């Protein structure tokens, strides 16, 4: 605990990560491992906010393109993130980890409507806060919602848990010469068109001087390694 590097984090998890090998729905073994690590973060005194993508159920742009109007497709994606947050909240609570789902739009039967003041009260009270519904608006990704919430709660860092173990000069699945970066600046990310986050999210993080640590969620304990200052991914700053 003495080596803790960050005191308040915003953890972004992809919906696909929760699905595990199934690719869709939930893999509760994976969710349990992730929730155990989140619980360890709380026990260390770290305040934890969480954003979860909806890709294990629905991707607005990808799944709705050509079939459903973009605004409605994106709203369906927001609902997918609410389902994911409700599921993770339940697993956390079963493990004795106090948690709260906050939604970007009003849906009182499912979660508490997000306000900055309420979120800070929950975080300061030791609760894990799951931010559901993205930004509450279509045409914005959950990456943008992640950076927005991180800025609002004044997170020390955004932990971007992905299926890849950092930022590379090219797609390592397609280019065997791709080089992994230990650190990289936002200017370089934008200039080299590296797909860390979408352009809106990247610009918002850069403007607010929010560092983003990209790492693989394949081993959920990587979250703890990042907190301890170990080099297990790529720091974007």
Foldseek 3Di string as FASTA:
>chain_A
DVLFDWAEEEEEEEPQQQCPPVSADGDVVSLLQLLVLVQVCLVVNHQYEYFYWQRNPADQCVPPPPPDPSFVSLQVRLVSRLVVVQVSCVSNVVVVAAEFEEECDDDVVRGHHDDLVVVLVCRVVSYYYYYGRQNVGTPDGNLQSSLVNCLSNVTQAYEYADQAAEWWLDDCVVDVVIDGALEDELVVCVVSVTPPDDPNSSVSCNVSVHKYWYGHCPPSCVVVCVRSVHRRYYIYD
